[in-house]
Amino acid sequence: MANEASFKQYYNLATVKSLAHRCAHVVPKFRTENFIKETTMGLEDLQMKDRVRHIASALHKNLDPYYPRAVEQIKQVAGVDSDLAPMSGFEVWPLCHFVETFGLEYFEESLDALYHLTPLFTAEFAIRPFLNQYPELTLQYLDRWSSDPNPHVRRLVSEGTRPRLPWAGRLPAFQSDPSQLLELLWKLRTDPDPVVRRSVANNLNDIAKDHPDKVVETVIKWSKDTSNEMRKLIRHACRTLIKQGHPGVFEVIGFTANPLVEIENITIACSSICMGEALEVSLKLRSLTDDTQRIVIDYNIHHRKANGKLLPKVFKWTTQTLKHRQSLSLTRKHKFRVITTRRYYTGEHIFEVLINGQPYGQQAFILTVDTENG
């Protein structure tokens, strides 16, 4: 998902009014003005996910106090089994959060609601408390949904079970033992929808952070399917393992397992640059064998932190096929620009070449930041 701050303004007075009128259409004697007043009070001071929780809490106070009836109202408000047009996108999230927060004691009613809500937005966050509290029962539902005609439902199976789903709490059971999860992903690996297959790849990439060898073993098994779709899935699933240079992963994605190459020289055009400028690096490498070799060339920038330590970050560069004893010259420009996810500090940094995830040489340079909030 995109940056949280860019979406928080979506949940505003207009959104609340629209939701209130939908509720009034479904719920007899719904207190429309009271709901709007309650929901907008303090809303502007909240970040996006807190706004979602705030709206879900207001719904809980104003819908039927008996959850099984309230969740039926939620479905109708969303446009499920009602004469209202179906809701879509982020406006559905508070409804999913309502189920996630208030429906844990009503498993069947809640899972039915999530099944109907996920095609309108995604219930990938809302399904997770049920996986934690009712793991076996929820997995039975997900197993059945893995063959559902609706691709949004199938994607819920792969995305909602991600052990490290962004913006969500982790799933410790799957982090500890992904066996049952891998069985679900096996069923979805050849899904006809590319969005579902990409979700499967993202899930495998999550698993790789805790069980790298298990994922290598899995993709070797899956690679017996030589279709373009499977090759793409496996490559995306192995992106963290590729960055880490994990043994065994390069061969399965079509690259040389232990390339025989050497870096003849790494040259930095200017050893001192300022924030906003680009670091220009040239290198020459040479194959040391008569055999053809396919290699992945990436690079680390070791960024200086406030405490003086260096922290590496991998960046993609290129893939190359080297023929017998071939030499290759490459140039790369890396621009240092202000971004919200990294803070830069003046001092020595390091540029490091990676070939199939392994370090093959480095050069130091100085980055100057005019203000330490760069």
Protein backbone atom coordinates (compact mmCIF):
# COMPACT_ATOMS: atom_id res chain seq x y z
CA MET A 1 0.00 0.00 0.00
CA ALA A 2 1.00 3.61 -0.44
CA ASN A 3 2.18 6.01 2.22
CA GLU A 4 -0.29 6.20 5.11
CA ALA A 5 -0.11 10.00 5.43
CA SER A 6 -1.23 10.48 1.81
CA PHE A 7 -4.54 8.72 2.47
CA LYS A 8 -5.57 9.96 5.91
CA GLN A 9 -7.50 12.90 4.43
CA TYR A 10 -9.79 10.43 2.70
CA TYR A 11 -11.58 9.89 6.00
CA ASN A 12 -13.12 13.32 6.36
CA LEU A 13 -16.52 14.95 6.90
CA ALA A 14 -17.74 14.06 3.40
CA THR A 15 -16.81 10.41 3.89
CA VAL A 16 -18.56 10.30 7.25
CA LYS A 17 -21.71 11.91 5.86
CA SER A 18 -21.83 9.42 2.99
CA LEU A 19 -21.47 6.51 5.42
CA ALA A 20 -24.14 7.99 7.70
CA HIS A 21 -26.68 8.26 4.88
CA ARG A 22 -25.99 4.67 3.82
CA CYS A 23 -26.56 3.55 7.41
CA ALA A 24 -29.80 5.53 7.58
CA HIS A 25 -31.00 3.80 4.42
CA VAL A 26 -30.45 0.39 6.02
CA VAL A 27 -31.04 0.87 9.75
CA PRO A 28 -34.47 2.00 10.99
CA LYS A 29 -34.32 5.14 13.14
CA PHE A 30 -30.56 5.50 12.62
CA ARG A 31 -29.34 8.62 14.43
CA THR A 32 -27.71 10.25 11.43
CA GLU A 33 -26.78 13.62 12.92
CA ASN A 34 -25.59 12.04 16.15
CA PHE A 35 -23.37 9.63 14.21
CA ILE A 36 -21.87 12.43 12.12
CA LYS A 37 -21.17 14.52 15.23
CA GLU A 38 -19.61 11.60 17.13
CA THR A 39 -17.52 10.45 14.22
CA THR A 40 -16.09 13.81 13.17
CA MET A 41 -15.23 14.86 16.73
CA GLY A 42 -11.44 14.72 16.93
CA LEU A 43 -11.15 13.03 13.53
CA GLU A 44 -8.80 15.65 12.07
CA ASP A 45 -6.26 15.04 14.83
CA LEU A 46 -5.88 11.35 13.96
CA GLN A 47 -3.64 9.53 11.52
CA MET A 48 -5.18 7.22 8.93
CA LYS A 49 -5.40 3.92 10.81
CA ASP A 50 -6.63 5.72 13.92
CA ARG A 51 -9.35 7.32 11.80
CA VAL A 52 -10.36 3.86 10.60
CA ARG A 53 -10.60 2.66 14.22
CA HIS A 54 -12.50 5.80 15.23
CA ILE A 55 -15.13 5.34 12.51
CA ALA A 56 -15.50 1.62 13.31
CA SER A 57 -16.04 2.48 16.99
CA ALA A 58 -18.73 5.02 16.08
CA LEU A 59 -20.47 2.38 13.96
CA HIS A 60 -20.41 0.01 16.92
CA LYS A 61 -22.15 2.60 19.10
CA ASN A 62 -24.86 3.35 16.55
CA LEU A 63 -25.70 -0.01 14.96
CA ASP A 64 -27.64 -2.85 16.56
CA PRO A 65 -26.06 -3.76 19.93
CA TYR A 66 -26.33 -7.48 19.09
CA TYR A 67 -23.34 -8.23 16.87
CA PRO A 68 -24.96 -10.85 14.55
CA ARG A 69 -27.60 -8.27 13.60
CA ALA A 70 -25.06 -5.45 13.45
CA VAL A 71 -22.79 -7.33 11.07
CA GLU A 72 -25.73 -7.98 8.75
CA GLN A 73 -26.30 -4.23 8.78
CA ILE A 74 -22.62 -3.71 7.96
CA LYS A 75 -22.95 -5.94 4.91
CA GLN A 76 -26.07 -4.12 3.73
CA VAL A 77 -24.41 -0.72 4.25
CA ALA A 78 -21.55 -1.96 2.06
CA GLY A 79 -24.04 -2.85 -0.66
CA VAL A 80 -24.09 -6.61 -0.07
CA ASP A 81 -27.63 -8.03 -0.39
CA SER A 82 -29.16 -4.55 -0.41
CA ASP A 83 -30.42 -2.05 -2.95
CA LEU A 84 -27.47 0.27 -2.31
CA ALA A 85 -24.68 0.45 -4.85
CA PRO A 86 -21.65 -1.48 -3.60
CA MET A 87 -19.03 0.54 -1.75
CA SER A 88 -15.44 0.31 -2.93
CA GLY A 89 -11.89 1.14 -1.94
CA PHE A 90 -10.80 2.72 1.31
CA GLU A 91 -14.34 3.62 2.37
CA VAL A 92 -14.85 -0.10 3.11
CA TRP A 93 -11.91 -0.36 5.50
CA PRO A 94 -13.80 0.85 8.61
CA LEU A 95 -16.43 -1.82 7.94
CA CYS A 96 -13.76 -4.52 7.79
CA HIS A 97 -12.23 -3.11 10.96
CA PHE A 98 -15.64 -3.29 12.64
CA VAL A 99 -15.67 -7.04 12.00
CA GLU A 100 -12.03 -7.42 13.09
CA THR A 101 -12.59 -5.55 16.36
CA PHE A 102 -16.05 -6.54 17.49
CA GLY A 103 -16.64 -9.90 15.83
CA LEU A 104 -14.07 -12.27 17.31
CA GLU A 105 -16.67 -14.02 19.46
CA TYR A 106 -18.88 -14.66 16.44
CA PHE A 107 -16.62 -16.61 14.11
CA GLU A 108 -19.05 -17.81 11.42
CA GLU A 109 -20.89 -14.51 11.12
CA SER A 110 -17.62 -12.59 10.91
CA LEU A 111 -15.97 -14.85 8.34
CA ASP A 112 -19.08 -14.65 6.20
CA ALA A 113 -18.92 -10.85 6.40
CA LEU A 114 -15.24 -10.75 5.46
CA TYR A 115 -15.92 -13.06 2.53
CA HIS A 116 -18.42 -10.54 1.17
CA LEU A 117 -16.43 -7.40 2.05
CA THR A 118 -13.06 -8.41 0.63
CA PRO A 119 -14.11 -8.04 -3.04
CA LEU A 120 -15.01 -4.41 -2.28
CA PHE A 121 -11.65 -3.50 -0.72
CA THR A 122 -9.57 -6.11 1.08
CA ALA A 123 -10.05 -7.99 4.34
CA GLU A 124 -6.35 -8.89 4.55
CA PHE A 125 -5.96 -7.00 7.85
CA ALA A 126 -9.28 -8.08 9.36
CA ILE A 127 -8.71 -11.81 8.85
CA ARG A 128 -5.53 -11.87 10.96
CA PRO A 129 -7.05 -11.80 14.48
CA PHE A 130 -9.15 -14.81 13.47
CA LEU A 131 -6.04 -16.63 12.29
CA ASN A 132 -4.43 -15.96 15.65
CA GLN A 133 -7.44 -16.91 17.77
CA TYR A 134 -8.94 -19.73 15.66
CA PRO A 135 -6.01 -20.93 13.52
CA GLU A 136 -7.28 -24.35 12.43
CA LEU A 137 -10.85 -23.25 11.81
CA THR A 138 -9.78 -20.16 9.87
CA LEU A 139 -7.39 -22.23 7.78
CA GLN A 140 -10.27 -24.54 6.86
CA TYR A 141 -12.17 -21.53 5.50
CA LEU A 142 -9.11 -20.24 3.66
CA ASP A 143 -8.49 -23.64 2.13
CA ARG A 144 -12.01 -23.62 0.73
CA TRP A 145 -11.67 -20.02 -0.46
CA SER A 146 -8.45 -20.84 -2.33
CA SER A 147 -10.64 -22.27 -5.12
CA ASP A 148 -13.33 -19.57 -4.98
CA PRO A 149 -14.44 -18.14 -8.35
CA ASN A 150 -13.72 -14.58 -7.15
CA PRO A 151 -10.02 -13.60 -7.46
CA HIS A 152 -10.38 -11.08 -4.61
CA VAL A 153 -11.38 -13.91 -2.29
CA ARG A 154 -8.47 -16.04 -3.49
CA ARG A 155 -6.11 -13.12 -2.95
CA LEU A 156 -7.37 -12.80 0.64
CA VAL A 157 -6.06 -16.33 1.21
CA SER A 158 -2.53 -15.45 0.11
CA GLU A 159 -2.33 -11.84 1.29
CA GLY A 160 -4.12 -12.15 4.62
CA THR A 161 -1.79 -14.97 5.68
CA ARG A 162 1.46 -13.10 4.98
CA PRO A 163 3.60 -13.50 8.12
CA ARG A 164 4.97 -9.96 7.82
CA LEU A 165 2.16 -8.08 6.07
CA PRO A 166 2.94 -4.32 6.01
CA TRP A 167 0.70 -2.16 8.24
CA ALA A 168 -0.39 -5.26 10.15
CA GLY A 169 0.67 -7.29 13.16
CA ARG A 170 2.75 -10.35 12.40
CA LEU A 171 1.49 -13.93 12.48
CA PRO A 172 3.84 -15.66 14.95
CA ALA A 173 2.53 -19.17 14.25
CA PHE A 174 3.40 -18.90 10.55
CA GLN A 175 6.72 -17.26 11.35
CA SER A 176 7.53 -20.25 13.54
CA ASP A 177 6.22 -22.96 11.19
CA PRO A 178 5.05 -22.06 7.66
CA SER A 179 4.15 -25.63 6.66
CA GLN A 180 0.37 -25.14 6.53
CA LEU A 181 0.83 -21.79 4.87
CA LEU A 182 2.97 -23.31 2.13
CA GLU A 183 0.21 -25.83 1.45
CA LEU A 184 -2.20 -22.97 0.78
CA LEU A 185 0.29 -21.16 -1.44
CA TRP A 186 0.90 -24.36 -3.43
CA LYS A 187 -2.78 -24.36 -4.39
CA LEU A 188 -2.58 -20.73 -5.57
CA ARG A 189 0.79 -20.83 -7.33
CA THR A 190 -0.80 -21.25 -10.79
CA ASP A 191 -3.81 -19.00 -10.16
CA PRO A 192 -5.09 -17.48 -13.43
CA ASP A 193 -5.09 -13.98 -11.92
CA PRO A 194 -1.66 -12.23 -11.93
CA VAL A 195 -2.61 -10.20 -8.82
CA VAL A 196 -3.13 -13.43 -6.87
CA ARG A 197 0.16 -14.87 -8.12
CA ARG A 198 2.00 -11.70 -7.11
CA SER A 199 0.44 -11.99 -3.65
CA VAL A 200 1.71 -15.57 -3.45
CA ALA A 201 5.19 -14.30 -4.31
CA ASN A 202 4.97 -11.61 -1.62
CA ASN A 203 3.96 -14.23 0.92
CA LEU A 204 6.93 -16.43 -0.01
CA ASN A 205 9.20 -13.41 0.30
CA ASP A 206 7.87 -12.87 3.83
CA ILE A 207 8.51 -16.51 4.72
CA ALA A 208 12.06 -16.24 3.33
CA LYS A 209 12.94 -13.72 6.04
CA ASP A 210 12.43 -16.39 8.71
CA HIS A 211 12.94 -19.63 6.74
CA PRO A 212 15.24 -18.93 3.77
CA ASP A 213 16.20 -22.56 3.19
CA LYS A 214 12.55 -23.63 3.22
CA VAL A 215 11.72 -21.09 0.51
CA VAL A 216 14.68 -22.17 -1.61
CA GLU A 217 13.47 -25.75 -1.28
CA THR A 218 9.96 -24.64 -2.24
CA VAL A 219 10.92 -22.66 -5.35
CA ILE A 220 13.16 -25.46 -6.57
CA LYS A 221 10.09 -27.71 -6.44
CA TRP A 222 7.90 -25.10 -8.12
CA SER A 223 10.49 -24.39 -10.83
CA LYS A 224 9.61 -27.70 -12.50
CA ASP A 225 6.86 -25.57 -14.02
CA THR A 226 8.90 -23.65 -16.61
CA SER A 227 6.14 -21.24 -17.69
CA ASN A 228 6.87 -17.50 -17.90
CA GLU A 229 4.28 -16.91 -15.17
CA MET A 230 6.04 -19.26 -12.76
CA ARG A 231 9.47 -17.83 -13.52
CA LYS A 232 8.15 -14.35 -12.78
CA LEU A 233 6.52 -15.50 -9.53
CA ILE A 234 9.69 -17.22 -8.34
CA ARG A 235 11.89 -14.24 -9.20
CA HIS A 236 9.64 -11.89 -7.24
CA ALA A 237 9.38 -14.33 -4.34
CA CYS A 238 13.17 -14.57 -4.09
CA ARG A 239 13.98 -10.86 -4.16
CA THR A 240 15.10 -10.76 -0.51
CA LEU A 241 17.14 -13.94 -0.93
CA ILE A 242 18.75 -12.44 -4.03
CA LYS A 243 19.73 -9.32 -2.11
CA GLN A 244 21.15 -11.48 0.65
CA GLY A 245 23.09 -13.63 -1.80
CA HIS A 246 21.58 -16.77 -0.38
CA PRO A 247 23.21 -19.95 -1.75
CA GLY A 248 20.99 -21.96 -4.05
CA VAL A 249 18.60 -19.22 -5.10
CA PHE A 250 20.53 -17.91 -8.12
CA GLU A 251 20.63 -21.19 -9.97
CA VAL A 252 16.90 -21.74 -9.60
CA ILE A 253 16.16 -18.34 -11.15
CA GLY A 254 18.51 -19.01 -14.06
CA PHE A 255 21.77 -17.43 -12.92
CA THR A 256 25.19 -18.99 -12.33
CA ALA A 257 25.39 -20.40 -8.82
CA ASN A 258 29.06 -19.55 -8.13
CA PRO A 259 30.26 -17.16 -10.82
CA LEU A 260 33.95 -16.95 -11.60
CA VAL A 261 34.52 -13.22 -12.09
CA GLU A 262 36.79 -10.52 -10.80
CA ILE A 263 36.48 -6.76 -10.49
CA GLU A 264 39.46 -5.15 -12.17
CA ASN A 265 38.73 -1.68 -10.82
CA ILE A 266 35.99 0.50 -9.29
CA THR A 267 36.24 4.24 -9.96
CA ILE A 268 34.23 7.03 -8.36
CA ALA A 269 34.14 10.16 -10.53
CA CYS A 270 34.10 12.52 -7.56
CA SER A 271 34.99 11.29 -4.07
CA SER A 272 33.02 14.08 -2.38
CA ILE A 273 29.44 15.00 -3.28
CA CYS A 274 26.64 17.07 -1.76
CA MET A 275 23.06 16.14 -1.08
CA GLY A 276 21.07 16.45 -4.29
CA GLU A 277 24.00 15.41 -6.47
CA ALA A 278 24.65 12.04 -8.07
CA LEU A 279 27.44 9.62 -7.26
CA GLU A 280 28.92 8.37 -10.55
CA VAL A 281 30.63 4.98 -10.37
CA SER A 282 32.41 3.03 -13.12
CA LEU A 283 33.68 -0.51 -12.89
CA LYS A 284 35.30 -3.11 -15.07
CA LEU A 285 34.81 -6.79 -14.43
CA ARG A 286 36.12 -9.86 -16.20
CA SER A 287 34.96 -13.45 -16.51
CA LEU A 288 37.54 -16.00 -15.38
CA THR A 289 36.14 -18.96 -17.29
CA ASP A 290 35.43 -20.06 -20.82
CA ASP A 291 31.88 -20.99 -19.80
CA THR A 292 28.93 -18.65 -20.27
CA GLN A 293 27.84 -17.09 -16.98
CA ARG A 294 24.65 -15.22 -16.07
CA ILE A 295 25.07 -12.82 -13.16
CA VAL A 296 23.09 -10.29 -11.13
CA ILE A 297 24.96 -7.08 -10.39
CA ASP A 298 23.62 -4.94 -7.54
CA TYR A 299 25.24 -2.51 -5.15
CA ASN A 300 25.15 -1.53 -1.50
CA ILE A 301 25.24 2.03 -0.29
CA HIS A 302 26.50 1.94 3.29
CA HIS A 303 24.75 4.98 4.76
CA ARG A 304 26.19 6.80 7.75
CA LYS A 305 23.83 6.97 10.72
CA ALA A 306 23.62 9.49 13.55
CA ASN A 307 25.79 7.27 15.78
CA GLY A 308 28.52 7.09 13.15
CA LYS A 309 27.86 3.49 12.18
CA LEU A 310 27.25 2.45 8.58
CA LEU A 311 24.04 0.69 7.52
CA PRO A 312 23.88 -0.96 4.06
CA LYS A 313 20.98 -0.68 1.66
CA VAL A 314 20.88 -2.80 -1.52
CA PHE A 315 19.95 -1.21 -4.87
CA LYS A 316 19.31 -3.00 -8.16
CA TRP A 317 21.71 -2.44 -11.05
CA THR A 318 21.70 -4.91 -13.93
CA THR A 319 21.79 -8.52 -15.08
CA GLN A 320 24.44 -9.65 -17.53
CA THR A 321 25.46 -12.68 -19.55
CA LEU A 322 29.25 -13.08 -19.76
CA LYS A 323 30.77 -15.25 -22.46
CA HIS A 324 34.23 -16.85 -22.36
CA ARG A 325 36.75 -14.58 -20.64
CA GLN A 326 34.65 -11.53 -21.49
CA SER A 327 35.36 -8.15 -19.91
CA LEU A 328 32.54 -5.72 -19.19
CA SER A 329 32.53 -2.00 -18.35
CA LEU A 330 29.59 -0.44 -16.51
CA THR A 331 28.68 3.01 -15.22
CA ARG A 332 26.06 3.86 -12.63
CA LYS A 333 24.72 7.15 -11.31
CA HIS A 334 23.09 7.13 -7.87
CA LYS A 335 21.39 10.39 -6.91
CA PHE A 336 21.10 11.35 -3.26
CA ARG A 337 17.74 13.02 -2.83
CA VAL A 338 15.59 13.77 0.21
CA ILE A 339 13.12 10.99 0.97
CA THR A 340 10.78 10.49 3.92
CA THR A 341 12.07 7.02 4.80
CA ARG A 342 15.76 7.86 5.31
CA ARG A 343 17.71 10.51 7.19
CA TYR A 344 21.11 11.42 5.77
CA TYR A 345 24.21 12.51 7.68
CA THR A 346 27.45 14.12 6.58
CA GLY A 347 30.47 11.83 6.51
CA GLU A 348 32.11 8.88 4.82
CA HIS A 349 29.81 6.46 2.99
CA ILE A 350 30.73 3.33 1.04
CA PHE A 351 29.71 2.08 -2.39
CA GLU A 352 29.98 -1.73 -2.60
CA VAL A 353 29.52 -3.93 -5.67
CA LEU A 354 27.48 -7.13 -5.24
CA ILE A 355 27.55 -10.00 -7.73
CA ASN A 356 24.92 -12.65 -7.06
CA GLY A 357 24.57 -11.11 -3.61
CA GLN A 358 28.25 -11.40 -2.69
CA PRO A 359 30.60 -8.41 -2.17
CA TYR A 360 33.19 -7.91 -4.91
CA GLY A 361 34.84 -4.61 -3.97
CA GLN A 362 34.07 -1.18 -2.58
CA GLN A 363 35.03 2.47 -2.65
CA ALA A 364 34.52 5.16 -0.02
CA PHE A 365 33.14 8.64 -0.70
CA ILE A 366 32.07 11.66 1.34
CA LEU A 367 28.47 12.85 1.38
CA THR A 368 27.85 16.39 2.66
CA VAL A 369 24.40 17.26 3.95
CA ASP A 370 23.73 20.97 4.38
CA THR A 371 21.15 20.38 7.09
CA GLU A 372 21.07 17.23 9.17
CA ASN A 373 17.41 16.66 8.33
CA GLY A 374 18.29 15.82 4.75
